[in-house]
Amino acid sequence: MAQIYLPTPLRRLTSGQAKVVADGRTVEEALVALERQFPGLREQLREPTGEVRRFINVFVNGTEIRMLQGPATPLRDGDEVSIIPAMAGGTD
């Protein structure tokens, strides 16, 4: 099982848990398991097409999945998956 780290804005859907575990041989499978376990999470993470929203960054052991195999990135027991929303804003 992978350990999934969730940002503060999503913790309202996990009863305040910052870290949860999810089964899956790939990032996609782990996300689907996570979305089943915590209703409402899918709408926060996915586009209506099912793709991970472009402003949501998913890391496996510190590497962003877009630099790996995307949602098909394989997972091993004990891998750490971090879900990080992109930050924007600031001043000129």
Protein backbone atom coordinates (compact mmCIF):
# COMPACT_ATOMS: atom_id res chain seq x y z
CA MET A 1 0.00 0.00 0.00
CA ALA A 2 1.13 3.52 -0.75
CA GLN A 3 1.00 6.33 1.78
CA ILE A 4 -0.88 9.31 0.40
CA TYR A 5 -0.16 12.78 1.78
CA LEU A 6 -2.98 15.28 1.40
CA PRO A 7 -2.86 19.07 1.50
CA THR A 8 -4.82 20.98 4.11
CA PRO A 9 -7.70 21.99 1.76
CA LEU A 10 -8.50 18.31 1.04
CA ARG A 11 -8.36 17.15 4.64
CA ARG A 12 -11.96 18.24 5.23
CA LEU A 13 -12.87 15.23 3.07
CA THR A 14 -10.66 12.83 5.07
CA SER A 15 -11.89 13.81 8.55
CA GLY A 16 -8.74 15.87 9.03
CA GLN A 17 -6.28 13.10 8.15
CA ALA A 18 -3.10 14.39 6.51
CA LYS A 19 -1.87 10.91 5.60
CA VAL A 20 -3.91 7.92 4.44
CA VAL A 21 -3.10 4.61 2.78
CA ALA A 22 -4.45 3.36 -0.54
CA ASP A 23 -4.10 0.14 -2.48
CA GLY A 24 -3.02 0.23 -6.08
CA ARG A 25 -0.28 -0.97 -8.37
CA THR A 26 -0.25 2.40 -10.13
CA VAL A 27 -0.92 6.01 -9.19
CA GLU A 28 -4.23 5.80 -11.07
CA GLU A 29 -5.34 2.73 -9.11
CA ALA A 30 -4.35 4.35 -5.82
CA LEU A 31 -6.24 7.54 -6.69
CA VAL A 32 -9.36 5.55 -7.60
CA ALA A 33 -9.14 3.67 -4.29
CA LEU A 34 -8.68 6.96 -2.44
CA GLU A 35 -11.66 8.52 -4.23
CA ARG A 36 -13.82 5.52 -3.29
CA GLN A 37 -12.73 5.76 0.33
CA PHE A 38 -13.38 9.51 0.60
CA PRO A 39 -16.48 10.72 -1.27
CA GLY A 40 -16.08 14.17 -2.79
CA LEU A 41 -12.36 13.80 -3.36
CA ARG A 42 -12.75 12.90 -7.03
CA GLU A 43 -14.42 16.22 -7.81
CA GLN A 44 -11.48 18.04 -6.24
CA LEU A 45 -8.77 16.04 -8.04
CA ARG A 46 -10.24 15.31 -11.48
CA GLU A 47 -11.53 17.10 -14.53
CA PRO A 48 -14.95 15.91 -15.77
CA THR A 49 -13.00 13.87 -18.35
CA GLY A 50 -11.33 11.90 -15.52
CA GLU A 51 -7.89 13.45 -16.01
CA VAL A 52 -6.07 14.78 -12.95
CA ARG A 53 -6.67 18.55 -12.87
CA ARG A 54 -3.75 20.47 -14.34
CA PHE A 55 -3.30 22.53 -11.16
CA ILE A 56 -2.99 19.38 -9.05
CA ASN A 57 0.55 18.01 -8.87
CA VAL A 58 1.06 14.41 -7.82
CA PHE A 59 4.49 13.28 -6.65
CA VAL A 60 5.77 9.75 -6.05
CA ASN A 61 8.73 9.66 -3.69
CA GLY A 62 9.44 13.31 -4.48
CA THR A 63 9.20 13.15 -8.29
CA GLU A 64 6.23 14.66 -10.12
CA ILE A 65 4.34 11.95 -12.06
CA ARG A 66 4.41 14.03 -15.26
CA MET A 67 8.17 13.40 -15.26
CA LEU A 68 7.56 9.67 -14.72
CA GLN A 69 4.79 7.65 -16.39
CA GLY A 70 1.89 9.92 -15.44
CA PRO A 71 -1.04 8.11 -13.79
CA ALA A 72 0.44 4.80 -14.99
CA THR A 73 3.47 5.31 -12.71
CA PRO A 74 3.94 2.04 -10.81
CA LEU A 75 3.72 1.97 -7.01
CA ARG A 76 5.38 -0.35 -4.52
CA ASP A 77 4.45 -0.93 -0.90
CA GLY A 78 5.63 1.98 1.18
CA ASP A 79 5.87 4.49 -1.67
CA GLU A 80 4.92 8.02 -0.72
CA VAL A 81 2.42 9.84 -2.92
CA SER A 82 1.96 13.55 -2.28
CA ILE A 83 -0.94 15.53 -3.71
CA ILE A 84 0.02 19.18 -3.99
CA PRO A 85 -2.20 21.91 -5.45
CA ALA A 86 -0.29 24.42 -7.56
CA MET A 87 0.21 27.86 -6.06
CA ALA A 88 -0.41 31.03 -8.04
CA GLY A 89 -0.56 34.71 -7.39
CA GLY A 90 1.73 37.30 -5.97
CA THR A 91 2.60 40.80 -6.99
CA ASP A 92 4.67 42.32 -9.77
